[in-house]
Protein backbone atom coordinates (compact mmCIF):
# COMPACT_ATOMS: atom_id res chain seq x y z
CA MET A 1 -20.74 66.64 -5.96
CA ARG A 2 -20.58 62.84 -6.35
CA SER A 3 -19.96 62.45 -2.89
CA TYR A 4 -23.23 64.35 -2.18
CA ARG A 5 -25.51 62.69 -4.52
CA PRO A 6 -25.43 59.31 -2.63
CA ALA A 7 -26.23 60.84 0.67
CA GLN A 8 -29.13 62.64 -0.81
CA TRP A 9 -30.56 59.75 -2.20
CA ALA A 10 -30.12 57.91 0.98
CA TRP A 11 -31.85 60.76 2.74
CA ARG A 12 -34.80 60.37 0.16
CA ALA A 13 -34.87 57.01 0.79
CA CYS A 14 -35.30 57.41 4.49
CA TRP A 15 -38.20 59.69 3.91
CA LEU A 16 -39.49 57.14 1.64
CA ALA A 17 -39.25 54.22 4.08
CA ALA A 18 -40.88 56.54 6.98
CA GLY A 19 -43.90 57.39 4.51
CA LEU A 20 -44.27 53.73 3.73
CA VAL A 21 -44.52 52.94 7.47
CA ALA A 22 -47.15 55.62 8.19
CA VAL A 23 -49.12 54.58 5.02
CA GLY A 24 -48.73 51.08 5.87
CA PHE A 25 -50.08 51.52 9.36
CA LEU A 26 -53.18 53.27 8.15
CA VAL A 27 -53.92 50.78 5.29
CA VAL A 28 -53.57 47.83 7.92
CA PHE A 29 -55.42 49.60 10.62
CA PHE A 30 -57.93 51.71 8.94
CA ALA A 31 -58.64 51.38 5.32
CA ALA A 32 -58.55 47.48 5.30
CA PRO A 33 -61.04 47.34 8.30
CA ALA A 34 -63.08 50.08 6.78
CA VAL A 35 -63.36 48.09 3.48
CA ASN A 36 -63.97 44.99 4.94
CA LEU A 37 -66.71 46.55 7.03
CA VAL A 38 -68.39 48.00 3.86
CA ALA A 39 -68.14 44.56 2.13
CA GLN A 40 -69.97 42.94 4.92
CA GLY A 41 -73.06 44.97 4.03
CA PHE A 42 -73.17 43.55 0.62
CA THR A 43 -72.49 39.99 1.39
CA ASP A 44 -74.70 37.15 3.06
CA GLU A 45 -73.83 34.92 5.68
CA ASN A 46 -72.07 32.43 3.27
CA GLY A 47 -70.04 35.38 2.08
CA ARG A 48 -71.75 35.53 -1.43
CA PRO A 49 -72.32 38.78 -2.77
CA THR A 50 -76.12 40.12 -2.47
CA LEU A 51 -78.21 43.19 -1.58
CA SER A 52 -80.57 41.14 0.58
CA VAL A 53 -79.28 42.34 3.79
CA MET A 54 -79.21 45.91 3.06
CA VAL A 55 -82.70 45.74 1.52
CA GLN A 56 -83.90 43.97 4.60
CA THR A 57 -82.08 46.33 6.97
CA PHE A 58 -83.44 49.50 5.40
CA ALA A 59 -86.90 47.90 5.04
CA SER A 60 -87.03 47.81 8.79
CA ALA A 61 -88.98 50.51 10.51
CA ARG A 62 -86.57 50.50 13.57
CA THR A 63 -83.69 51.35 10.95
CA TRP A 64 -85.33 54.40 9.89
CA ARG A 65 -86.55 55.46 13.38
CA ILE A 66 -82.74 55.18 14.37
CA ILE A 67 -81.51 57.03 11.12
CA ARG A 68 -84.11 59.86 12.12
CA PHE A 69 -83.34 60.21 15.66
CA THR A 70 -79.50 60.11 15.01
CA ILE A 71 -80.12 63.09 12.32
CA GLY A 72 -82.54 64.80 14.40
CA GLN A 73 -80.68 64.77 17.75
CA ALA A 74 -77.41 66.05 15.89
CA THR A 75 -79.46 68.65 13.91
CA LEU A 76 -81.06 70.06 17.45
CA GLY A 77 -77.71 69.72 19.23
CA THR A 78 -75.72 71.66 16.54
CA LEU A 79 -78.43 74.49 16.45
CA ILE A 80 -78.23 74.92 20.32
CA CYS A 81 -74.75 75.04 20.27
CA LEU A 82 -74.47 77.54 17.67
CA LEU A 83 -77.10 79.67 19.31
CA LEU A 84 -75.31 79.59 22.67
CA GLY A 85 -71.76 79.59 21.32
CA LEU A 86 -72.10 82.82 19.37
CA PHE A 87 -72.79 84.59 22.79
CA GLY A 88 -69.75 82.85 24.22
CA ALA A 89 -67.46 83.49 21.25
CA HIS A 90 -68.10 87.20 21.31
CA LEU A 91 -67.69 87.44 25.04
CA LEU A 92 -64.55 85.32 25.23
CA TYR A 93 -62.70 86.26 21.95
CA ARG A 94 -63.86 89.41 20.87
CA VAL A 95 -63.96 91.26 24.09
CA SER A 96 -61.26 92.04 26.43
CA TRP A 97 -62.03 91.83 30.12
CA PRO A 98 -60.27 90.38 33.47
CA GLY A 99 -60.10 86.72 34.13
CA ARG A 100 -61.05 85.83 30.21
CA THR A 101 -58.10 83.47 29.95
CA ILE A 102 -59.39 81.56 32.79
CA VAL A 103 -63.01 81.37 31.67
CA ARG A 104 -61.78 80.07 28.18
CA GLY A 105 -60.08 77.21 29.89
CA LEU A 106 -63.01 76.50 31.98
CA VAL A 107 -65.15 76.38 28.82
CA SER A 108 -62.74 74.00 27.17
CA VAL A 109 -62.80 71.47 29.96
CA PRO A 110 -66.01 69.36 28.70
CA PHE A 111 -64.77 68.92 25.37
CA VAL A 112 -61.82 66.84 26.84
CA LEU A 113 -63.90 64.91 29.09
CA PRO A 114 -64.45 61.10 28.23
CA THR A 115 -67.97 60.61 26.92
CA VAL A 116 -68.94 58.10 29.47
CA VAL A 117 -67.97 60.54 32.30
CA VAL A 118 -70.29 63.31 30.60
CA GLY A 119 -73.11 60.53 30.33
CA VAL A 120 -72.82 59.48 34.05
CA ALA A 121 -72.49 63.32 35.03
CA PHE A 122 -75.79 64.18 33.54
CA ARG A 123 -77.62 60.82 34.46
CA THR A 124 -76.72 61.77 38.17
CA LEU A 125 -77.81 65.36 37.83
CA LEU A 126 -81.27 64.60 36.25
CA ALA A 127 -81.97 61.27 38.60
CA ALA A 128 -85.12 61.24 40.67
CA ASN A 129 -82.82 62.19 43.73
CA GLY A 130 -80.56 64.53 41.62
CA ARG A 131 -80.27 68.35 41.83
CA LEU A 132 -82.61 68.40 38.65
CA GLY A 133 -84.66 65.48 39.35
CA PHE A 134 -87.71 67.63 39.70
CA LEU A 135 -87.48 68.21 35.81
CA GLY A 136 -88.58 64.57 35.02
CA LEU A 137 -85.63 64.40 32.28
CA ASP A 138 -83.73 61.19 33.43
CA GLY A 139 -83.47 58.93 30.32
CA SER A 140 -85.08 61.29 28.04
CA TRP A 141 -83.98 62.68 24.77
CA GLN A 142 -83.86 66.16 26.04
CA ALA A 143 -81.15 64.90 28.48
CA ILE A 144 -79.21 63.10 25.41
CA THR A 145 -79.28 66.78 23.72
CA ALA A 146 -78.22 68.64 26.68
CA ALA A 147 -75.08 66.26 27.08
CA LEU A 148 -74.16 66.85 23.58
CA VAL A 149 -74.54 70.45 23.87
CA PHE A 150 -72.51 70.25 27.07
CA PHE A 151 -69.71 68.17 25.09
CA ASN A 152 -69.62 70.37 21.90
CA TYR A 153 -70.22 74.12 23.19
CA SER A 154 -66.44 74.73 23.33
CA VAL A 155 -66.16 73.62 19.84
CA VAL A 156 -68.40 76.66 18.40
CA VAL A 157 -66.80 79.02 20.95
CA ARG A 158 -63.14 78.15 19.96
CA THR A 159 -63.87 77.85 16.02
CA VAL A 160 -66.14 80.88 15.79
CA GLY A 161 -64.24 82.99 18.45
CA SER A 162 -60.63 82.43 16.97
CA THR A 163 -62.10 83.85 13.42
CA TRP A 164 -64.04 86.67 15.36
CA ALA A 165 -60.88 87.80 17.00
CA GLN A 166 -59.28 88.43 13.91
CA LEU A 167 -62.08 90.67 12.18
CA ASP A 168 -61.30 94.26 12.10
CA PRO A 169 -63.96 96.25 14.13
CA ARG A 170 -63.56 99.26 11.94
CA ARG A 171 -66.03 97.78 9.47
CA ALA A 172 -68.84 97.69 11.83
CA ASP A 173 -67.78 101.06 13.16
CA ALA A 174 -68.10 102.24 9.60
CA ALA A 175 -71.43 100.59 9.41
CA ARG A 176 -72.67 102.51 12.55
CA ALA A 177 -71.23 105.80 11.35
CA LEU A 178 -73.53 105.37 8.26
CA GLY A 179 -76.60 105.11 10.47
CA ALA A 180 -76.92 101.10 10.73
CA GLY A 181 -78.30 99.90 13.79
CA PRO A 182 -76.93 97.04 15.70
CA VAL A 183 -79.11 94.31 14.20
CA ARG A 184 -78.33 95.53 10.61
CA VAL A 185 -74.64 95.74 11.34
CA TRP A 186 -74.63 92.11 12.73
CA CYS A 187 -76.49 91.01 9.81
CA THR A 188 -74.73 92.89 7.03
CA VAL A 189 -71.33 93.06 8.57
CA THR A 190 -70.49 90.63 11.03
CA LEU A 191 -72.50 87.50 10.16
CA PRO A 192 -71.16 87.15 6.53
CA ALA A 193 -67.52 87.66 7.77
CA LEU A 194 -68.00 84.90 10.32
CA ALA A 195 -70.30 82.43 7.96
CA PRO A 196 -67.35 80.02 7.10
CA ALA A 197 -66.21 79.81 10.60
CA ILE A 198 -70.01 78.96 11.65
CA ALA A 199 -70.54 76.55 8.76
CA SER A 200 -66.97 74.88 9.87
CA ALA A 201 -68.10 74.53 13.53
CA ALA A 202 -71.64 73.27 12.37
CA ALA A 203 -70.37 70.48 10.52
CA VAL A 204 -67.99 69.29 13.04
CA VAL A 205 -70.46 69.60 15.96
CA PHE A 206 -73.02 67.82 13.77
CA LEU A 207 -70.23 64.98 13.36
CA PHE A 208 -69.70 64.76 16.91
CA CYS A 209 -73.25 64.69 18.07
CA ALA A 210 -74.22 62.20 15.36
CA SER A 211 -71.34 59.67 16.30
CA ALA A 212 -71.78 60.20 19.95
CA PHE A 213 -71.65 56.69 21.54
CA GLY A 214 -70.84 56.65 25.42
CA VAL A 215 -73.37 59.79 26.03
CA VAL A 216 -76.19 58.07 24.23
CA LEU A 217 -75.35 54.68 25.55
CA VAL A 218 -75.62 55.86 29.26
CA LEU A 219 -78.27 58.37 29.02
CA GLY A 220 -80.56 56.53 26.44
CA GLY A 221 -80.00 53.07 27.22
CA THR A 222 -82.31 50.97 24.84
CA ARG A 223 -85.17 53.48 24.56
CA TYR A 224 -83.18 55.94 22.31
CA SER A 225 -80.79 54.50 19.90
CA THR A 226 -78.34 56.06 17.22
CA LEU A 227 -76.50 54.45 14.47
CA GLU A 228 -73.59 54.66 16.69
CA THR A 229 -75.21 52.67 19.49
CA GLU A 230 -77.24 50.38 17.36
CA ILE A 231 -73.95 49.24 15.40
CA TYR A 232 -72.76 48.15 19.05
CA THR A 233 -76.15 46.43 19.70
CA GLN A 234 -76.41 44.44 16.70
CA THR A 235 -72.68 43.27 17.06
CA VAL A 236 -72.67 42.67 20.77
CA GLU A 237 -76.07 41.56 21.56
CA PHE A 238 -77.54 40.28 18.54
CA LEU A 239 -74.33 39.08 16.67
CA ASP A 240 -75.93 40.41 13.42
CA LEU A 241 -72.69 41.47 11.67
CA PRO A 242 -74.27 42.05 8.34
CA ALA A 243 -76.88 44.37 9.48
CA ALA A 244 -74.25 46.32 11.85
CA SER A 245 -72.18 46.58 8.69
CA THR A 246 -75.02 47.93 6.90
CA LEU A 247 -75.59 50.60 9.58
CA ALA A 248 -71.84 51.43 9.65
CA ILE A 249 -72.02 52.19 5.88
CA VAL A 250 -74.85 54.89 6.66
CA GLN A 251 -72.72 56.10 9.38
CA LEU A 252 -69.59 56.45 7.02
CA ALA A 253 -71.59 58.12 4.54
CA LEU A 254 -72.80 60.75 7.16
CA THR A 255 -69.45 61.45 8.51
CA GLY A 256 -67.97 61.68 5.15
CA THR A 257 -70.41 64.24 4.22
CA CYS A 258 -69.66 66.28 7.32
CA LEU A 259 -65.90 66.14 6.89
CA PHE A 260 -66.36 67.26 3.12
CA LEU A 261 -68.59 70.40 4.24
CA SER A 262 -66.07 71.27 7.11
CA GLY A 263 -63.27 71.05 4.64
CA ARG A 264 -65.05 73.29 2.15
CA ALA A 265 -65.90 75.85 4.93
CA GLN A 266 -62.17 75.76 6.24
CA GLN A 267 -61.06 76.60 2.54
CA ARG A 268 -63.58 79.49 2.38
CA LEU A 269 -62.67 80.79 5.84
CA GLN A 270 -58.94 80.94 4.92
CA ARG A 271 -59.51 82.91 1.72
CA SER A 272 -62.09 85.38 3.60
CA LEU A 273 -59.60 86.37 6.36
CA GLY A 274 -57.66 89.41 5.84
CA ASN A 275 -55.44 91.25 8.14
CA ALA A 276 -55.64 90.61 11.71
CA SER A 277 -57.80 92.73 14.08
CA PRO A 278 -56.24 95.83 15.64
CA GLY A 279 -57.17 94.35 18.94
CA PRO A 280 -59.97 93.21 21.18
CA LEU A 281 -62.93 95.45 22.20
CA LYS A 282 -63.04 97.02 25.38
CA PHE A 283 -65.77 95.66 27.66
CA SER A 284 -69.22 97.65 27.43
CA GLY A 285 -71.92 96.74 29.95
CA ARG A 286 -74.80 98.06 27.60
CA ARG A 287 -73.43 96.16 24.31
CA ASP A 288 -72.23 92.95 26.39
CA GLY A 289 -74.82 92.56 28.68
CA LEU A 290 -76.85 89.73 26.99
CA PRO A 291 -73.64 87.59 26.17
CA VAL A 292 -72.74 87.99 29.68
CA ALA A 293 -76.05 86.72 30.93
CA VAL A 294 -76.36 83.78 28.44
CA THR A 295 -72.76 82.62 28.95
CA ALA A 296 -72.79 82.73 32.75
CA ALA A 297 -76.09 80.75 32.69
CA VAL A 298 -74.43 78.08 30.14
CA ILE A 299 -71.42 77.90 32.54
CA LEU A 300 -73.36 77.49 35.64
CA VAL A 301 -76.30 75.48 34.65
CA LEU A 302 -75.07 73.48 31.71
CA LEU A 303 -71.19 73.12 32.32
CA MET A 304 -70.61 73.13 35.97
CA ALA A 305 -73.75 71.89 37.51
CA PRO A 306 -73.23 68.23 36.20
CA ILE A 307 -69.64 67.91 37.20
CA LEU A 308 -70.26 69.26 40.58
CA THR A 309 -73.17 66.98 41.05
CA LEU A 310 -70.88 64.00 39.93
CA VAL A 311 -68.30 64.95 42.51
CA GLU A 312 -70.97 65.60 45.22
CA ARG A 313 -72.82 62.25 44.60
CA SER A 314 -69.39 60.14 44.70
CA PHE A 315 -68.52 61.43 48.24
CA GLN A 316 -72.13 60.18 49.53
CA LEU A 317 -73.09 56.42 50.57
CA GLY A 318 -77.04 56.79 51.08
CA ASP A 319 -77.60 59.92 53.07
CA ALA A 320 -74.36 60.19 54.62
CA TRP A 321 -70.76 61.72 53.37
CA SER A 322 -68.46 59.09 52.80
CA LEU A 323 -65.18 57.85 51.19
CA ALA A 324 -66.67 54.33 50.76
CA ASN A 325 -67.15 54.78 47.12
CA TYR A 326 -63.46 55.42 46.73
CA ARG A 327 -62.53 52.75 49.05
CA ALA A 328 -64.53 50.28 47.04
CA LEU A 329 -62.51 50.88 43.87
CA MET A 330 -60.40 48.15 45.08
CA ALA A 331 -63.16 45.52 44.53
CA THR A 332 -65.30 44.43 41.65
CA GLY A 333 -68.59 45.58 42.77
CA ASP A 334 -71.85 43.58 43.38
CA ASP A 335 -72.90 41.37 40.81
CA SER A 336 -70.90 43.57 38.19
CA GLY A 337 -69.48 40.61 36.10
CA MET A 338 -66.29 42.35 36.18
CA ALA A 339 -63.14 39.97 36.35
CA THR A 340 -60.68 42.60 38.03
CA SER A 341 -61.15 45.77 40.12
CA VAL A 342 -61.79 49.10 39.35
CA TRP A 343 -58.42 50.14 40.73
CA GLN A 344 -56.67 47.57 38.11
CA THR A 345 -58.86 48.77 35.05
CA LEU A 346 -57.42 52.32 36.03
CA VAL A 347 -54.03 51.00 35.86
CA ASN A 348 -54.88 49.28 32.72
CA SER A 349 -55.98 52.42 31.27
CA LEU A 350 -53.00 54.32 32.11
CA THR A 351 -50.87 51.59 30.77
CA THR A 352 -52.80 51.35 27.37
CA ALA A 353 -52.79 55.29 27.01
CA VAL A 354 -49.04 55.49 27.50
CA TRP A 355 -48.66 52.78 24.72
CA ALA A 356 -51.39 54.70 22.39
CA THR A 357 -49.84 58.12 23.00
CA MET A 358 -46.38 56.75 22.18
CA LEU A 359 -47.66 55.25 18.73
CA ALA A 360 -50.12 58.06 17.86
CA VAL A 361 -47.26 60.88 18.87
CA GLY A 362 -44.48 58.98 16.77
CA LEU A 363 -46.53 58.33 13.73
CA GLY A 364 -48.31 61.76 13.97
CA ALA A 365 -45.06 63.60 14.10
CA VAL A 366 -43.63 61.57 11.18
CA VAL A 367 -46.72 62.44 8.91
CA ALA A 368 -46.49 65.95 9.89
CA LEU A 369 -42.86 66.41 8.89
CA LEU A 370 -43.95 64.41 5.57
CA LEU A 371 -47.00 66.65 5.03
CA SER A 372 -44.96 69.83 5.64
CA ARG A 373 -42.63 69.34 2.71
CA ARG A 374 -43.07 71.66 -0.33
CA PRO A 375 -42.32 69.62 -3.37
CA ARG A 376 -41.81 71.59 -6.59
CA SER A 377 -43.75 69.17 -8.94
CA ARG A 378 -47.46 69.11 -9.51
CA TRP A 379 -47.77 65.48 -8.80
CA GLY A 380 -45.89 65.82 -5.60
CA ARG A 381 -48.25 68.60 -4.27
CA ALA A 382 -51.43 66.38 -5.32
CA GLY A 383 -49.75 63.47 -3.49
CA LEU A 384 -49.49 65.40 -0.19
CA SER A 385 -52.81 66.89 -0.52
CA ILE A 386 -54.01 63.22 -0.87
CA GLY A 387 -52.24 62.10 2.20
CA ASP A 388 -53.41 64.91 4.15
CA ALA A 389 -56.63 64.02 3.51
CA ALA A 390 -56.22 60.41 4.08
CA PHE A 391 -54.65 60.78 7.33
CA MET A 392 -57.69 63.03 8.59
CA LEU A 393 -60.12 60.20 7.55
CA PRO A 394 -60.27 58.61 11.00
CA LEU A 395 -61.29 61.85 12.46
CA GLY A 396 -64.47 61.57 10.86
CA VAL A 397 -65.01 57.69 11.33
CA SER A 398 -66.61 56.82 14.72
CA ALA A 399 -64.52 54.84 17.20
CA VAL A 400 -67.41 52.17 17.49
CA THR A 401 -66.79 51.61 13.60
CA VAL A 402 -63.06 51.67 14.08
CA GLY A 403 -63.51 48.87 16.55
CA PHE A 404 -66.08 47.15 14.67
CA GLY A 405 -63.86 46.96 11.80
CA PHE A 406 -61.06 45.72 13.89
CA LEU A 407 -63.23 42.84 15.23
CA ILE A 408 -64.25 41.56 11.68
CA THR A 409 -60.80 42.11 9.75
CA LEU A 410 -57.91 41.24 12.37
CA ASP A 411 -59.06 37.97 12.83
CA ARG A 412 -56.94 35.62 10.78
CA PRO A 413 -53.25 34.99 10.35
CA PRO A 414 -50.86 36.86 10.07
CA LEU A 415 -52.87 39.38 11.93
CA ASP A 416 -54.91 37.52 14.34
CA LEU A 417 -55.05 40.18 17.15
CA ARG A 418 -58.40 39.52 18.42
CA SER A 419 -57.09 38.02 21.69
CA SER A 420 -54.02 40.27 21.90
CA ALA A 421 -53.76 42.97 24.31
CA VAL A 422 -51.95 45.13 21.77
CA LEU A 423 -55.36 45.67 19.83
CA VAL A 424 -56.65 48.32 22.24
CA PRO A 425 -53.83 50.86 22.01
CA ILE A 426 -53.49 50.38 18.44
CA ALA A 427 -57.15 51.11 18.04
CA GLN A 428 -56.78 54.19 20.60
CA ALA A 429 -53.64 55.46 18.68
CA MET A 430 -55.75 55.23 15.30
CA VAL A 431 -58.32 57.63 16.74
CA ALA A 432 -55.81 59.96 18.28
CA ILE A 433 -53.42 60.26 15.10
CA PRO A 434 -55.39 62.91 13.47
CA LEU A 435 -55.63 65.09 16.55
CA VAL A 436 -51.79 64.79 16.88
CA ILE A 437 -51.28 65.74 13.25
CA ARG A 438 -53.80 68.78 13.40
CA VAL A 439 -51.73 70.22 16.46
CA LEU A 440 -48.02 69.52 14.72
CA LEU A 441 -49.05 70.31 11.16
CA PRO A 442 -49.62 73.89 11.53
CA ALA A 443 -46.11 74.69 13.10
CA VAL A 444 -43.95 72.73 10.53
CA ARG A 445 -45.79 74.22 7.64
CA GLY A 446 -45.21 77.81 8.99
CA ILE A 447 -41.51 77.40 8.46
CA ASP A 448 -39.91 79.27 5.85
CA PRO A 449 -38.25 76.97 3.12
CA ARG A 450 -35.60 79.57 3.01
CA GLN A 451 -34.40 78.58 6.50
CA ARG A 452 -33.80 74.96 5.19
CA GLU A 453 -32.09 76.44 2.03
CA ALA A 454 -29.73 78.63 4.00
CA ALA A 455 -28.92 75.64 6.24
CA ALA A 456 -28.11 73.61 3.32
CA ALA A 457 -26.10 76.40 1.46
CA LEU A 458 -23.93 76.40 4.66
CA GLY A 459 -23.01 72.84 4.38
CA ALA A 460 -25.50 71.29 6.68
CA ALA A 461 -26.45 67.55 5.92
CA PRO A 462 -30.09 66.94 5.48
CA TRP A 463 -30.21 65.23 8.88
CA ARG A 464 -28.62 68.42 10.45
CA VAL A 465 -31.10 70.67 8.54
CA LEU A 466 -33.94 68.46 9.84
CA GLY A 467 -32.34 68.61 13.57
CA THR A 468 -31.65 72.33 13.68
CA VAL A 469 -34.62 73.83 11.74
CA ASP A 470 -37.61 71.25 11.65
CA LEU A 471 -37.47 69.52 15.01
CA PRO A 472 -37.25 72.27 17.16
CA VAL A 473 -40.44 73.80 15.62
CA LEU A 474 -41.96 70.26 15.94
CA ALA A 475 -40.99 70.12 19.58
CA ARG A 476 -42.76 73.20 20.52
CA GLY A 477 -46.17 71.43 19.74
CA LEU A 478 -45.40 68.18 21.23
CA GLY A 479 -46.50 69.10 24.62
CA LEU A 480 -50.28 69.74 23.39
CA ALA A 481 -50.12 66.75 20.83
CA VAL A 482 -49.07 64.33 23.82
CA GLY A 483 -52.06 65.92 25.93
CA PHE A 484 -54.36 65.25 23.32
CA ALA A 485 -53.35 61.96 22.54
CA PHE A 486 -52.96 60.67 26.18
CA SER A 487 -56.43 62.12 27.15
CA THR A 488 -58.09 60.63 23.90
CA SER A 489 -56.84 57.32 24.71
CA LEU A 490 -57.37 57.43 28.54
CA GLY A 491 -61.29 58.34 27.77
CA GLU A 492 -61.78 56.39 24.46
CA PHE A 493 -65.02 54.19 25.22
CA GLY A 494 -66.20 53.34 21.54
CA ALA A 495 -63.59 51.10 20.16
CA THR A 496 -62.49 49.84 23.23
CA SER A 497 -65.76 48.54 24.35
CA PHE A 498 -65.38 46.18 21.23
CA LEU A 499 -62.02 45.13 21.82
CA ALA A 500 -61.02 45.11 25.51
CA ARG A 501 -60.79 41.56 27.20
CA PRO A 502 -62.55 41.13 30.23
CA ASP A 503 -59.27 40.30 32.09
CA HIS A 504 -57.75 43.73 30.95
CA MET A 505 -60.79 45.92 30.98
CA THR A 506 -59.91 49.81 30.83
CA LEU A 507 -61.74 52.59 33.14
CA PRO A 508 -64.12 54.09 30.85
CA VAL A 509 -65.41 50.30 29.92
CA ALA A 510 -65.73 49.43 33.59
CA ILE A 511 -67.49 52.59 34.31
CA GLY A 512 -70.11 51.46 31.67
CA ARG A 513 -70.43 48.12 33.21
CA LEU A 514 -70.96 49.48 36.64
CA ILE A 515 -73.53 51.95 35.48
CA SER A 516 -75.36 49.41 33.79
CA ARG A 517 -75.74 47.13 36.75
CA PRO A 518 -78.10 47.74 39.70
CA GLY A 519 -77.03 48.06 43.11
CA GLU A 520 -75.96 51.09 45.44
CA ALA A 521 -72.44 49.96 45.43
CA ASN A 522 -72.04 49.63 41.70
CA TYR A 523 -73.54 53.18 40.97
CA GLY A 524 -71.39 54.62 43.74
CA MET A 525 -68.29 53.03 42.34
CA ALA A 526 -69.21 54.31 38.90
CA MET A 527 -69.50 57.87 40.44
CA ALA A 528 -65.99 57.74 41.92
CA SER A 529 -64.54 56.31 39.05
CA SER A 530 -66.00 59.03 36.61
CA VAL A 531 -64.44 61.73 38.97
CA LEU A 532 -61.17 60.00 39.01
CA LEU A 533 -61.16 59.73 35.34
CA ALA A 534 -62.21 63.36 34.70
CA ALA A 535 -59.65 64.60 37.17
CA MET A 536 -56.62 62.87 35.28
CA THR A 537 -58.00 63.90 32.11
CA VAL A 538 -58.28 67.57 33.20
CA ILE A 539 -54.93 67.47 34.74
CA VAL A 540 -53.25 66.16 31.59
CA MET A 541 -54.96 68.77 29.36
CA SER A 542 -54.05 71.54 31.70
CA ILE A 543 -50.44 70.66 31.50
CA ALA A 544 -50.61 70.32 27.89
CA GLU A 545 -52.27 73.73 27.41
CA ARG A 546 -49.41 75.43 29.49
CA LEU A 547 -46.86 73.64 27.17
CA ARG A 548 -49.03 75.11 23.97
CA PRO A 549 -47.07 77.54 22.13
CA PRO A 550 -49.14 80.81 21.07
CA GLU A 551 -49.58 79.91 17.57
CA VAL A 552 -50.95 76.34 18.02
CA THR A 553 -54.71 76.17 18.56
CA SER A 554 -57.14 73.52 19.34
CA TRP A 555 -60.72 72.56 19.40
């Protein structure tokens, strides 16, 4: 026993050290920038505490117009996503029919696409010479809303659909047997059971819509600004850091509220779910005709049309078909202000994404293992709950806010990283870590603690218990975690637009630069670059989904 105690203490010290490293990373690269960002809104240009900056910012009519537009377009986008997504959730998760798995994957593609690609795709579709140019929606708020619905439709379908698939259809059958019509069955049986999932999906979609950056920047320009794009404008164009900080505080309050509501809805959802459904329903043309019509229209018009138009436009030079746009990626474009070729920005993106993925998956795996522990003391359980919430916070803070916080915090020794190339992969990893934890944590939390106890009782050392019980389960979700981290880093635009150096620009930043410059060559190169970025993202996520174990779900 004496020889076992030192080993046990050494093992606990290793866990403590791993936890301190993870918490230290969160404090240095998230908490400190966020706190510094909030403090900037309460200080003047000389660093003295004051409320004048905040009062002046909120006294501006432009500020309130931006807040109203941010909340308004996020609300409208959320309502449309819910309206269309409920039909998709029913058809793709509640009803069984051939080809359902393929269509599920197709619906999920837009969510993993980089936001700047989504913006370019809709701009191409709705331009005067685009397929839907006759609608006159180019540069309108309707175009922004449509792009947000395109991006977040799958969130509702997956969140509500996965819950719908677990509902026992015998409850609805019993209501019908008692004489209730379809509408009454829906309102009294199905809708109350789905309400927590709908609320959770609504909170997440509202959060994503309110914090959208690339989509709004590409489609709205200077005409339509949200809190996200205005923070960027105040920082980069006007150099007004205090005003940007004030707006970032509003953004933090908005995202914090969404995360809180989503968490409450998730708790209600876990309590409300009972036994799993006996199985999906058989397809019925009479019952499922409307969901089929609505979902088909969404897929063909909203999801497929922008991407197909983007691909088509990338192969055109004027009125002729050509590969010139792809060959031009070796150049910097006409008067684009880029210091490197677009092809080099692709190499930069891949290199940066590799480093960010290694960092995010490494730290995310450590945090997932730590959070999966089941301490016996009340204080231990409380500590893990706080840690779980803390590591989820970056998921609700916009990438622009993260990048802005880095810019004003990591500017002095010993962490003067503004001119360092490591800052971009760190920022991208900070954005990706919560997604990695979300993927890995359910699997390792599902391990029966009696397996660890049995292995220890048979004489296995703590490190061997970890290697034979925990790590094999963790490894099953690593494929999906790597896919999420890599695709998130590859397409990250908000934080990178603040931090990327001109000589080390990433592909999403290059696309944003090209699309904002006049010239046929710049526009064609932006189309070709967007297609390449979208293709790489889809390939990565397709491979990751194939490696996904059945028990691991994602948005």
